Amino acid sequence: MKILHHPDREDIRLSSVLYAISDPVRLYILYELNKSGERTCGDIDLPIVKSTVTHHVRTLREAGVIHVRTQGTQRFLTIRKEDLEARFPGLLQSVLDSYESSGENLPKD
């Protein structure tokens, strides 16, 4: 089984986090995880192919935004809220509040 890299809290960089959440699909994934807590990749309804979902999840994970836990063949996603709040106080909640109030929806194919 492949071991997934998650940056340590002190290695999470603001530029990486901002890049990761700048994409509409990744921001939507983050929003959905915030609403419902831990979910599998397949539980989030996205209008993209599985390989593209994998790319977006990897980008979020490598930036330190989410944690991916493997159980069997499934991967469970959670937001690293405590780590993000410790590194960048208020950033995550501000972004999520702004996304929710903007009324933006995930672009359809």
PDB file of N, CA and C in Angstrom:
ATOM      1  N   MET A   1       0.834  -1.175   0.000  1.00  0.00           N
ATOM      2  CA  MET A   1       0.000   0.000   0.000  1.00  0.00           C
ATOM      3  C   MET A   1       0.887   1.249   0.000  1.00  0.00           C
ATOM      4  N   LYS A   2       0.531   2.191  -0.831  1.00  0.00           N
ATOM      5  CA  LYS A   2       1.282   3.431  -0.933  1.00  0.00           C
ATOM      6  C   LYS A   2       1.012   4.304   0.288  1.00  0.00           C
ATOM      7  N   ILE A   3       2.073   4.845   0.859  1.00  0.00           N
ATOM      8  CA  ILE A   3       1.929   5.754   1.989  1.00  0.00           C
ATOM      9  C   ILE A   3       1.781   7.172   1.449  1.00  0.00           C
ATOM     10  N   LEU A   4       0.753   7.852   1.899  1.00  0.00           N
ATOM     11  CA  LEU A   4       0.458   9.201   1.426  1.00  0.00           C
ATOM     12  C   LEU A   4       1.189  10.228   2.282  1.00  0.00           C
ATOM     13  N   HIS A   5       1.795  11.202   1.624  1.00  0.00           N
ATOM     14  CA  HIS A   5       2.508  12.256   2.351  1.00  0.00           C
ATOM     15  C   HIS A   5       1.542  13.367   2.755  1.00  0.00           C
ATOM     16  N   HIS A   6       1.612  13.724   4.025  1.00  0.00           N
ATOM     17  CA  HIS A   6       0.881  14.870   4.557  1.00  0.00           C
ATOM     18  C   HIS A   6       1.926  15.775   5.206  1.00  0.00           C
ATOM     19  N   PRO A   7       2.003  17.037   4.812  1.00  0.00           N
ATOM     20  CA  PRO A   7       3.006  17.900   5.429  1.00  0.00           C
ATOM     21  C   PRO A   7       2.738  18.085   6.924  1.00  0.00           C
ATOM     22  N   ASP A   8       3.809  18.198   7.693  1.00  0.00           N
ATOM     23  CA  ASP A   8       3.670  18.513   9.108  1.00  0.00           C
ATOM     24  C   ASP A   8       3.075  19.906   9.236  1.00  0.00           C
ATOM     25  N   ARG A   9       2.451  20.174  10.368  1.00  0.00           N
ATOM     26  CA  ARG A   9       1.801  21.467  10.580  1.00  0.00           C
ATOM     27  C   ARG A   9       2.731  22.633  10.265  1.00  0.00           C
ATOM     28  N   GLU A  10       3.956  22.580  10.755  1.00  0.00           N
ATOM     29  CA  GLU A  10       4.878  23.706  10.562  1.00  0.00           C
ATOM     30  C   GLU A  10       5.362  23.841   9.119  1.00  0.00           C
ATOM     31  N   ASP A  11       5.135  22.817   8.305  1.00  0.00           N
ATOM     32  CA  ASP A  11       5.548  22.864   6.900  1.00  0.00           C
ATOM     33  C   ASP A  11       4.437  23.330   5.956  1.00  0.00           C
ATOM     34  N   ILE A  12       3.254  23.591   6.487  1.00  0.00           N
ATOM     35  CA  ILE A  12       2.148  24.074   5.652  1.00  0.00           C
ATOM     36  C   ILE A  12       2.420  25.532   5.313  1.00  0.00           C
ATOM     37  N   ARG A  13       2.423  25.844   4.035  1.00  0.00           N
ATOM     38  CA  ARG A  13       2.726  27.194   3.550  1.00  0.00           C
ATOM     39  C   ARG A  13       1.461  27.886   3.045  1.00  0.00           C
ATOM     40  N   LEU A  14       1.356  29.160   3.343  1.00  0.00           N
ATOM     41  CA  LEU A  14       0.190  29.937   2.933  1.00  0.00           C
ATOM     42  C   LEU A  14       0.012  29.923   1.419  1.00  0.00           C
ATOM     43  N   SER A  15       1.102  30.083   0.685  1.00  0.00           N
ATOM     44  CA  SER A  15       0.995  30.107  -0.775  1.00  0.00           C
ATOM     45  C   SER A  15       0.451  28.784  -1.312  1.00  0.00           C
ATOM     46  N   SER A  16       0.842  27.671  -0.713  1.00  0.00           N
ATOM     47  CA  SER A  16       0.344  26.356  -1.145  1.00  0.00           C
ATOM     48  C   SER A  16      -1.137  26.195  -0.829  1.00  0.00           C
ATOM     49  N   VAL A  17      -1.543  26.646   0.340  1.00  0.00           N
ATOM     50  CA  VAL A  17      -2.956  26.556   0.730  1.00  0.00           C
ATOM     51  C   VAL A  17      -3.808  27.419  -0.197  1.00  0.00           C
ATOM     52  N   LEU A  18      -3.373  28.645  -0.433  1.00  0.00           N
ATOM     53  CA  LEU A  18      -4.139  29.543  -1.299  1.00  0.00           C
ATOM     54  C   LEU A  18      -4.221  29.008  -2.731  1.00  0.00           C
ATOM     55  N   TYR A  19      -3.126  28.435  -3.216  1.00  0.00           N
ATOM     56  CA  TYR A  19      -3.160  27.829  -4.550  1.00  0.00           C
ATOM     57  C   TYR A  19      -4.159  26.671  -4.580  1.00  0.00           C
ATOM     58  N   ALA A  20      -4.102  25.818  -3.564  1.00  0.00           N
ATOM     59  CA  ALA A  20      -4.962  24.632  -3.535  1.00  0.00           C
ATOM     60  C   ALA A  20      -6.440  25.002  -3.521  1.00  0.00           C
ATOM     61  N   ILE A  21      -6.796  26.039  -2.801  1.00  0.00           N
ATOM     62  CA  ILE A  21      -8.222  26.383  -2.694  1.00  0.00           C
ATOM     63  C   ILE A  21      -8.662  27.396  -3.746  1.00  0.00           C
ATOM     64  N   SER A  22      -7.753  27.772  -4.643  1.00  0.00           N
ATOM     65  CA  SER A  22      -8.119  28.736  -5.689  1.00  0.00           C
ATOM     66  C   SER A  22      -8.915  28.104  -6.829  1.00  0.00           C
ATOM     67  N   ASP A  23      -8.885  26.788  -6.936  1.00  0.00           N
ATOM     68  CA  ASP A  23      -9.614  26.092  -7.999  1.00  0.00           C
ATOM     69  C   ASP A  23     -11.064  25.856  -7.557  1.00  0.00           C
ATOM     70  N   PRO A  24     -12.049  26.129  -8.411  1.00  0.00           N
ATOM     71  CA  PRO A  24     -13.464  25.957  -8.028  1.00  0.00           C
ATOM     72  C   PRO A  24     -13.816  24.538  -7.582  1.00  0.00           C
ATOM     73  N   VAL A  25     -13.249  23.530  -8.207  1.00  0.00           N
ATOM     74  CA  VAL A  25     -13.552  22.148  -7.820  1.00  0.00           C
ATOM     75  C   VAL A  25     -12.983  21.852  -6.436  1.00  0.00           C
ATOM     76  N   ARG A  26     -11.756  22.260  -6.193  1.00  0.00           N
ATOM     77  CA  ARG A  26     -11.142  22.010  -4.884  1.00  0.00           C
ATOM     78  C   ARG A  26     -11.849  22.797  -3.786  1.00  0.00           C
ATOM     79  N   LEU A  27     -12.270  24.016  -4.093  1.00  0.00           N
ATOM     80  CA  LEU A  27     -13.010  24.806  -3.116  1.00  0.00           C
ATOM     81  C   LEU A  27     -14.346  24.144  -2.801  1.00  0.00           C
ATOM     82  N   TYR A  28     -14.988  23.584  -3.811  1.00  0.00           N
ATOM     83  CA  TYR A  28     -16.243  22.866  -3.602  1.00  0.00           C
ATOM     84  C   TYR A  28     -16.017  21.623  -2.727  1.00  0.00           C
ATOM     85  N   ILE A  29     -14.951  20.882  -2.978  1.00  0.00           N
ATOM     86  CA  ILE A  29     -14.620  19.712  -2.156  1.00  0.00           C
ATOM     87  C   ILE A  29     -14.455  20.145  -0.704  1.00  0.00           C
ATOM     88  N   LEU A  30     -13.727  21.221  -0.486  1.00  0.00           N
ATOM     89  CA  LEU A  30     -13.504  21.742   0.857  1.00  0.00           C
ATOM     90  C   LEU A  30     -14.829  22.128   1.516  1.00  0.00           C
ATOM     91  N   TYR A  31     -15.675  22.809   0.770  1.00  0.00           N
ATOM     92  CA  TYR A  31     -16.982  23.222   1.269  1.00  0.00           C
ATOM     93  C   TYR A  31     -17.825  22.006   1.671  1.00  0.00           C
ATOM     94  N   GLU A  32     -17.851  20.996   0.832  1.00  0.00           N
ATOM     95  CA  GLU A  32     -18.624  19.786   1.127  1.00  0.00           C
ATOM     96  C   GLU A  32     -18.085  19.056   2.356  1.00  0.00           C
ATOM     97  N   LEU A  33     -16.771  18.991   2.487  1.00  0.00           N
ATOM     98  CA  LEU A  33     -16.179  18.346   3.667  1.00  0.00           C
ATOM     99  C   LEU A  33     -16.507  19.134   4.929  1.00  0.00           C
ATOM    100  N   ASN A  34     -16.532  20.438   4.826  1.00  0.00           N
ATOM    101  CA  ASN A  34     -16.853  21.261   5.985  1.00  0.00           C
ATOM    102  C   ASN A  34     -18.300  21.052   6.419  1.00  0.00           C
ATOM    103  N   LYS A  35     -19.208  20.893   5.453  1.00  0.00           N
ATOM    104  CA  LYS A  35     -20.630  20.689   5.756  1.00  0.00           C
ATOM    105  C   LYS A  35     -20.884  19.352   6.435  1.00  0.00           C
ATOM    106  N   SER A  36     -20.213  18.311   5.969  1.00  0.00           N
ATOM    107  CA  SER A  36     -20.611  16.970   6.408  1.00  0.00           C
ATOM    108  C   SER A  36     -19.522  16.180   7.116  1.00  0.00           C
ATOM    109  N   GLY A  37     -18.353  16.724   7.283  1.00  0.00           N
ATOM    110  CA  GLY A  37     -17.288  15.989   7.957  1.00  0.00           C
ATOM    111  C   GLY A  37     -16.619  14.996   7.024  1.00  0.00           C
ATOM    112  N   GLU A  38     -16.050  13.969   7.596  1.00  0.00           N
ATOM    113  CA  GLU A  38     -15.285  12.989   6.814  1.00  0.00           C
ATOM    114  C   GLU A  38     -16.154  12.320   5.758  1.00  0.00           C
ATOM    115  N   ARG A  39     -15.603  12.244   4.542  1.00  0.00           N
ATOM    116  CA  ARG A  39     -16.300  11.598   3.427  1.00  0.00           C
ATOM    117  C   ARG A  39     -15.286  10.895   2.542  1.00  0.00           C
ATOM    118  N   THR A  40     -15.785   9.957   1.747  1.00  0.00           N
ATOM    119  CA  THR A  40     -14.919   9.324   0.766  1.00  0.00           C
ATOM    120  C   THR A  40     -14.924  10.169  -0.500  1.00  0.00           C
ATOM    121  N   CYS A  41     -13.926   9.946  -1.332  1.00  0.00           N
ATOM    122  CA  CYS A  41     -13.852  10.678  -2.610  1.00  0.00           C
ATOM    123  C   CYS A  41     -15.120  10.490  -3.427  1.00  0.00           C
ATOM    124  N   GLY A  42     -15.635   9.283  -3.457  1.00  0.00           N
ATOM    125  CA  GLY A  42     -16.809   8.969  -4.265  1.00  0.00           C
ATOM    126  C   GLY A  42     -18.105   9.529  -3.724  1.00  0.00           C
ATOM    127  N   ASP A  43     -18.117   9.960  -2.461  1.00  0.00           N
ATOM    128  CA  ASP A  43     -19.338  10.501  -1.856  1.00  0.00           C
ATOM    129  C   ASP A  43     -19.621  11.939  -2.267  1.00  0.00           C
ATOM    130  N   ILE A  44     -18.625  12.603  -2.831  1.00  0.00           N
ATOM    131  CA  ILE A  44     -18.802  13.999  -3.226  1.00  0.00           C
ATOM    132  C   ILE A  44     -19.170  14.015  -4.704  1.00  0.00           C
ATOM    133  N   ASP A  45     -20.345  14.543  -5.003  1.00  0.00           N
ATOM    134  CA  ASP A  45     -20.857  14.553  -6.374  1.00  0.00           C
ATOM    135  C   ASP A  45     -20.130  15.618  -7.190  1.00  0.00           C
ATOM    136  N   LEU A  46     -19.284  15.156  -8.092  1.00  0.00           N
ATOM    137  CA  LEU A  46     -18.494  16.056  -8.927  1.00  0.00           C
ATOM    138  C   LEU A  46     -18.678  15.695 -10.396  1.00  0.00           C
ATOM    139  N   PRO A  47     -18.759  16.699 -11.274  1.00  0.00           N
ATOM    140  CA  PRO A  47     -18.961  16.439 -12.703  1.00  0.00           C
ATOM    141  C   PRO A  47     -17.646  16.212 -13.454  1.00  0.00           C
ATOM    142  N   ILE A  48     -16.734  15.462 -12.840  1.00  0.00           N
ATOM    143  CA  ILE A  48     -15.424  15.206 -13.450  1.00  0.00           C
ATOM    144  C   ILE A  48     -15.075  13.736 -13.305  1.00  0.00           C
ATOM    145  N   VAL A  49     -14.120  13.274 -14.099  1.00  0.00           N
ATOM    146  CA  VAL A  49     -13.731  11.865 -14.060  1.00  0.00           C
ATOM    147  C   VAL A  49     -12.896  11.578 -12.817  1.00  0.00           C
ATOM    148  N   LYS A  50     -12.842  10.307 -12.458  1.00  0.00           N
ATOM    149  CA  LYS A  50     -12.168   9.879 -11.235  1.00  0.00           C
ATOM    150  C   LYS A  50     -10.700  10.319 -11.175  1.00  0.00           C
ATOM    151  N   SER A  51      -9.997  10.251 -12.295  1.00  0.00           N
ATOM    152  CA  SER A  51      -8.584  10.632 -12.290  1.00  0.00           C
ATOM    153  C   SER A  51      -8.413  12.122 -11.977  1.00  0.00           C
ATOM    154  N   THR A  52      -9.341  12.941 -12.401  1.00  0.00           N
ATOM    155  CA  THR A  52      -9.274  14.368 -12.101  1.00  0.00           C
ATOM    156  C   THR A  52      -9.599  14.626 -10.632  1.00  0.00           C
ATOM    157  N   VAL A  53     -10.548  13.876 -10.077  1.00  0.00           N
ATOM    158  CA  VAL A  53     -10.837  13.975  -8.643  1.00  0.00           C
ATOM    159  C   VAL A  53      -9.578  13.627  -7.859  1.00  0.00           C
ATOM    160  N   THR A  54      -8.888  12.570  -8.267  1.00  0.00           N
ATOM    161  CA  THR A  54      -7.655  12.154  -7.602  1.00  0.00           C
ATOM    162  C   THR A  54      -6.624  13.274  -7.618  1.00  0.00           C
ATOM    163  N   HIS A  55      -6.498  13.945  -8.750  1.00  0.00           N
ATOM    164  CA  HIS A  55      -5.565  15.072  -8.861  1.00  0.00           C
ATOM    165  C   HIS A  55      -5.923  16.180  -7.871  1.00  0.00           C
ATOM    166  N   HIS A  56      -7.194  16.538  -7.796  1.00  0.00           N
ATOM    167  CA  HIS A  56      -7.629  17.608  -6.909  1.00  0.00           C
ATOM    168  C   HIS A  56      -7.424  17.228  -5.438  1.00  0.00           C
ATOM    169  N   VAL A  57      -7.732  15.996  -5.099  1.00  0.00           N
ATOM    170  CA  VAL A  57      -7.534  15.527  -3.718  1.00  0.00           C
ATOM    171  C   VAL A  57      -6.051  15.550  -3.372  1.00  0.00           C
ATOM    172  N   ARG A  58      -5.205  15.101  -4.283  1.00  0.00           N
ATOM    173  CA  ARG A  58      -3.756  15.116  -4.040  1.00  0.00           C
ATOM    174  C   ARG A  58      -3.254  16.543  -3.825  1.00  0.00           C
ATOM    175  N   THR A  59      -3.734  17.482  -4.625  1.00  0.00           N
ATOM    176  CA  THR A  59      -3.321  18.879  -4.481  1.00  0.00           C
ATOM    177  C   THR A  59      -3.709  19.416  -3.105  1.00  0.00           C
ATOM    178  N   LEU A  60      -4.921  19.142  -2.666  1.00  0.00           N
ATOM    179  CA  LEU A  60      -5.366  19.575  -1.342  1.00  0.00           C
ATOM    180  C   LEU A  60      -4.554  18.907  -0.232  1.00  0.00           C
ATOM    181  N   ARG A  61      -4.275  17.631  -0.387  1.00  0.00           N
ATOM    182  CA  ARG A  61      -3.510  16.888   0.627  1.00  0.00           C
ATOM    183  C   ARG A  61      -2.085  17.402   0.717  1.00  0.00           C
ATOM    184  N   GLU A  62      -1.425  17.566  -0.415  1.00  0.00           N
ATOM    185  CA  GLU A  62      -0.030  17.991  -0.419  1.00  0.00           C
ATOM    186  C   GLU A  62       0.139  19.425   0.069  1.00  0.00           C
ATOM    187  N   ALA A  63      -0.913  20.229  -0.035  1.00  0.00           N
ATOM    188  CA  ALA A  63      -0.868  21.598   0.480  1.00  0.00           C
ATOM    189  C   ALA A  63      -1.128  21.640   1.985  1.00  0.00           C
ATOM    190  N   GLY A  64      -1.607  20.534   2.537  1.00  0.00           N
ATOM    191  CA  GLY A  64      -1.893  20.481   3.969  1.00  0.00           C
ATOM    192  C   GLY A  64      -3.307  20.896   4.320  1.00  0.00           C
ATOM    193  N   VAL A  65      -4.191  20.973   3.336  1.00  0.00           N
ATOM    194  CA  VAL A  65      -5.564  21.407   3.568  1.00  0.00           C
ATOM    195  C   VAL A  65      -6.427  20.253   4.075  1.00  0.00           C
ATOM    196  N   ILE A  66      -6.218  19.059   3.541  1.00  0.00           N
ATOM    197  CA  ILE A  66      -7.010  17.904   3.965  1.00  0.00           C
ATOM    198  C   ILE A  66      -6.097  16.762   4.391  1.00  0.00           C
ATOM    199  N   HIS A  67      -6.687  15.841   5.138  1.00  0.00           N
ATOM    200  CA  HIS A  67      -6.009  14.607   5.507  1.00  0.00           C
ATOM    201  C   HIS A  67      -6.755  13.470   4.812  1.00  0.00           C
ATOM    202  N   VAL A  68      -6.011  12.542   4.241  1.00  0.00           N
ATOM    203  CA  VAL A  68      -6.603  11.400   3.551  1.00  0.00           C
ATOM    204  C   VAL A  68      -6.239  10.140   4.330  1.00  0.00           C
ATOM    205  N   ARG A  69      -7.271   9.417   4.754  1.00  0.00           N
ATOM    206  CA  ARG A  69      -7.096   8.175   5.495  1.00  0.00           C
ATOM    207  C   ARG A  69      -7.554   7.022   4.607  1.00  0.00           C
ATOM    208  N   THR A  70      -6.685   6.038   4.444  1.00  0.00           N
ATOM    209  CA  THR A  70      -7.007   4.882   3.609  1.00  0.00           C
ATOM    210  C   THR A  70      -7.532   3.755   4.489  1.00  0.00           C
ATOM    211  N   GLN A  71      -8.650   3.187   4.060  1.00  0.00           N
ATOM    212  CA  GLN A  71      -9.221   2.020   4.731  1.00  0.00           C
ATOM    213  C   GLN A  71      -9.673   1.066   3.636  1.00  0.00           C
ATOM    214  N   GLY A  72      -8.933  -0.012   3.472  1.00  0.00           N
ATOM    215  CA  GLY A  72      -9.218  -0.935   2.384  1.00  0.00           C
ATOM    216  C   GLY A  72      -8.957  -0.248   1.056  1.00  0.00           C
ATOM    217  N   THR A  73      -9.964  -0.210   0.211  1.00  0.00           N
ATOM    218  CA  THR A  73      -9.817   0.438  -1.093  1.00  0.00           C
ATOM    219  C   THR A  73     -10.379   1.856  -1.106  1.00  0.00           C
ATOM    220  N   GLN A  74     -10.915   2.290   0.027  1.00  0.00           N
ATOM    221  CA  GLN A  74     -11.507   3.622   0.076  1.00  0.00           C
ATOM    222  C   GLN A  74     -10.567   4.623   0.729  1.00  0.00           C
ATOM    223  N   ARG A  75     -10.716   5.867   0.321  1.00  0.00           N
ATOM    224  CA  ARG A  75      -9.945   6.961   0.917  1.00  0.00           C
ATOM    225  C   ARG A  75     -10.921   7.955   1.526  1.00  0.00           C
ATOM    226  N   PHE A  76     -10.717   8.202   2.806  1.00  0.00           N
ATOM    227  CA  PHE A  76     -11.577   9.113   3.552  1.00  0.00           C
ATOM    228  C   PHE A  76     -10.893  10.461   3.701  1.00  0.00           C
ATOM    229  N   LEU A  77     -11.635  11.524   3.423  1.00  0.00           N
ATOM    230  CA  LEU A  77     -11.100  12.875   3.425  1.00  0.00           C
ATOM    231  C   LEU A  77     -11.642  13.668   4.610  1.00  0.00           C
ATOM    232  N   THR A  78     -10.763  14.405   5.272  1.00  0.00           N
ATOM    233  CA  THR A  78     -11.165  15.338   6.321  1.00  0.00           C
ATOM    234  C   THR A  78     -10.341  16.614   6.177  1.00  0.00           C
ATOM    235  N   ILE A  79     -10.915  17.722   6.606  1.00  0.00           N
ATOM    236  CA  ILE A  79     -10.191  18.991   6.597  1.00  0.00           C
ATOM    237  C   ILE A  79      -9.271  19.037   7.817  1.00  0.00           C
ATOM    238  N   ARG A  80      -8.076  19.533   7.629  1.00  0.00           N
ATOM    239  CA  ARG A  80      -7.118  19.688   8.731  1.00  0.00           C
ATOM    240  C   ARG A  80      -7.381  21.028   9.432  1.00  0.00           C
ATOM    241  N   LYS A  81      -8.553  21.150  10.032  1.00  0.00           N
ATOM    242  CA  LYS A  81      -8.998  22.410  10.628  1.00  0.00           C
ATOM    243  C   LYS A  81      -8.051  22.910  11.711  1.00  0.00           C
ATOM    244  N   GLU A  82      -7.665  22.036  12.625  1.00  0.00           N
ATOM    245  CA  GLU A  82      -6.795  22.472  13.726  1.00  0.00           C
ATOM    246  C   GLU A  82      -5.453  22.969  13.211  1.00  0.00           C
ATOM    247  N   ASP A  83      -4.879  22.249  12.265  1.00  0.00           N
ATOM    248  CA  ASP A  83      -3.582  22.653  11.714  1.00  0.00           C
ATOM    249  C   ASP A  83      -3.683  23.970  10.964  1.00  0.00           C
ATOM    250  N   LEU A  84      -4.721  24.126  10.160  1.00  0.00           N
ATOM    251  CA  LEU A  84      -4.887  25.361   9.400  1.00  0.00           C
ATOM    252  C   LEU A  84      -5.166  26.545  10.322  1.00  0.00           C
ATOM    253  N   GLU A  85      -5.954  26.320  11.354  1.00  0.00           N
ATOM    254  CA  GLU A  85      -6.259  27.401  12.295  1.00  0.00           C
ATOM    255  C   GLU A  85      -5.009  27.808  13.078  1.00  0.00           C
ATOM    256  N   ALA A  86      -4.184  26.836  13.430  1.00  0.00           N
ATOM    257  CA  ALA A  86      -2.945  27.143  14.157  1.00  0.00           C
ATOM    258  C   ALA A  86      -1.968  27.930  13.279  1.00  0.00           C
ATOM    259  N   ARG A  87      -1.890  27.582  12.011  1.00  0.00           N
ATOM    260  CA  ARG A  87      -0.957  28.252  11.094  1.00  0.00           C
ATOM    261  C   ARG A  87      -1.484  29.587  10.598  1.00  0.00           C
ATOM    262  N   PHE A  88      -2.777  29.628  10.243  1.00  0.00           N
ATOM    263  CA  PHE A  88      -3.360  30.819   9.621  1.00  0.00           C
ATOM    264  C   PHE A  88      -4.726  31.100  10.262  1.00  0.00           C
ATOM    265  N   PRO A  89      -4.727  31.689  11.452  1.00  0.00           N
ATOM    266  CA  PRO A  89      -5.983  31.882  12.195  1.00  0.00           C
ATOM    267  C   PRO A  89      -7.046  32.619  11.386  1.00  0.00           C
ATOM    268  N   GLY A  90      -8.228  32.009  11.323  1.00  0.00           N
ATOM    269  CA  GLY A  90      -9.369  32.619  10.664  1.00  0.00           C
ATOM    270  C   GLY A  90      -9.450  32.431   9.158  1.00  0.00           C
ATOM    271  N   LEU A  91      -8.379  31.975   8.528  1.00  0.00           N
ATOM    272  CA  LEU A  91      -8.365  31.865   7.067  1.00  0.00           C
ATOM    273  C   LEU A  91      -9.418  30.883   6.559  1.00  0.00           C
ATOM    274  N   LEU A  92      -9.415  29.681   7.074  1.00  0.00           N
ATOM    275  CA  LEU A  92     -10.325  28.644   6.588  1.00  0.00           C
ATOM    276  C   LEU A  92     -11.776  29.073   6.739  1.00  0.00           C
ATOM    277  N   GLN A  93     -12.144  29.540   7.922  1.00  0.00           N
ATOM    278  CA  GLN A  93     -13.535  29.925   8.151  1.00  0.00           C
ATOM    279  C   GLN A  93     -13.936  31.101   7.273  1.00  0.00           C
ATOM    280  N   SER A  94     -13.037  32.039   7.082  1.00  0.00           N
ATOM    281  CA  SER A  94     -13.311  33.184   6.222  1.00  0.00           C
ATOM    282  C   SER A  94     -13.565  32.752   4.781  1.00  0.00           C
ATOM    283  N   VAL A  95     -12.731  31.857   4.282  1.00  0.00           N
ATOM    284  CA  VAL A  95     -12.898  31.357   2.910  1.00  0.00           C
ATOM    285  C   VAL A  95     -14.208  30.601   2.775  1.00  0.00           C
ATOM    286  N   LEU A  96     -14.511  29.737   3.733  1.00  0.00           N
ATOM    287  CA  LEU A  96     -15.744  28.947   3.661  1.00  0.00           C
ATOM    288  C   LEU A  96     -16.984  29.831   3.787  1.00  0.00           C
ATOM    289  N   ASP A  97     -16.935  30.816   4.677  1.00  0.00           N
ATOM    290  CA  ASP A  97     -18.068  31.741   4.818  1.00  0.00           C
ATOM    291  C   ASP A  97     -18.283  32.530   3.529  1.00  0.00           C
ATOM    292  N   SER A  98     -17.192  32.995   2.931  1.00  0.00           N
ATOM    293  CA  SER A  98     -17.288  33.758   1.692  1.00  0.00           C
ATOM    294  C   SER A  98     -17.841  32.902   0.559  1.00  0.00           C
ATOM    295  N   TYR A  99     -17.395  31.651   0.492  1.00  0.00           N
ATOM    296  CA  TYR A  99     -17.882  30.749  -0.552  1.00  0.00           C
ATOM    297  C   TYR A  99     -19.383  30.524  -0.392  1.00  0.00           C
ATOM    298  N   GLU A 100     -19.805  30.283   0.840  1.00  0.00           N
ATOM    299  CA  GLU A 100     -21.226  30.013   1.087  1.00  0.00           C
ATOM    300  C   GLU A 100     -22.087  31.235   0.772  1.00  0.00           C
ATOM    301  N   SER A 101     -21.642  32.406   1.179  1.00  0.00           N
ATOM    302  CA  SER A 101     -22.445  33.606   0.953  1.00  0.00           C
ATOM    303  C   SER A 101     -22.427  34.071  -0.505  1.00  0.00           C
ATOM    304  N   SER A 102     -21.431  33.610  -1.263  1.00  0.00           N
ATOM    305  CA  SER A 102     -21.343  34.031  -2.664  1.00  0.00           C
ATOM    306  C   SER A 102     -22.391  33.364  -3.545  1.00  0.00           C
ATOM    307  N   GLY A 103     -22.895  32.223  -3.090  1.00  0.00           N
ATOM    308  CA  GLY A 103     -23.887  31.499  -3.887  1.00  0.00           C
ATOM    309  C   GLY A 103     -23.285  30.791  -5.091  1.00  0.00           C
ATOM    310  N   GLU A 104     -21.953  30.715  -5.131  1.00  0.00           N
ATOM    311  CA  GLU A 104     -21.304  30.012  -6.244  1.00  0.00           C
ATOM    312  C   GLU A 104     -21.663  28.543  -6.222  1.00  0.00           C
ATOM    313  N   ASN A 105     -21.795  27.988  -7.376  1.00  0.00           N
ATOM    314  CA  ASN A 105     -22.040  26.558  -7.504  1.00  0.00           C
ATOM    315  C   ASN A 105     -20.891  25.952  -8.289  1.00  0.00           C
ATOM    316  N   LEU A 106     -20.736  24.674  -8.137  1.00  0.00           N
ATOM    317  CA  LEU A 106     -19.714  23.970  -8.901  1.00  0.00           C
ATOM    318  C   LEU A 106     -20.068  24.020 -10.370  1.00  0.00           C
ATOM    319  N   PRO A 107     -19.115  24.425 -11.211  1.00  0.00           N
ATOM    320  CA  PRO A 107     -19.402  24.470 -12.651  1.00  0.00           C
ATOM    321  C   PRO A 107     -19.732  23.079 -13.192  1.00  0.00           C
ATOM    322  N   LYS A 108     -20.727  23.016 -14.055  1.00  0.00           N
ATOM    323  CA  LYS A 108     -21.117  21.754 -14.689  1.00  0.00           C
ATOM    324  C   LYS A 108     -20.395  21.625 -16.009  1.00  0.00           C
ATOM    325  N   ASP A 109     -20.171  20.386 -16.424  1.00  0.00           N
ATOM    326  CA  ASP A 109     -19.532  20.142 -17.726  1.00  0.00           C
ATOM    327  C   ASP A 109     -20.380  20.594 -18.866  1.00  0.00           C
TER     328      ASP A 109
END
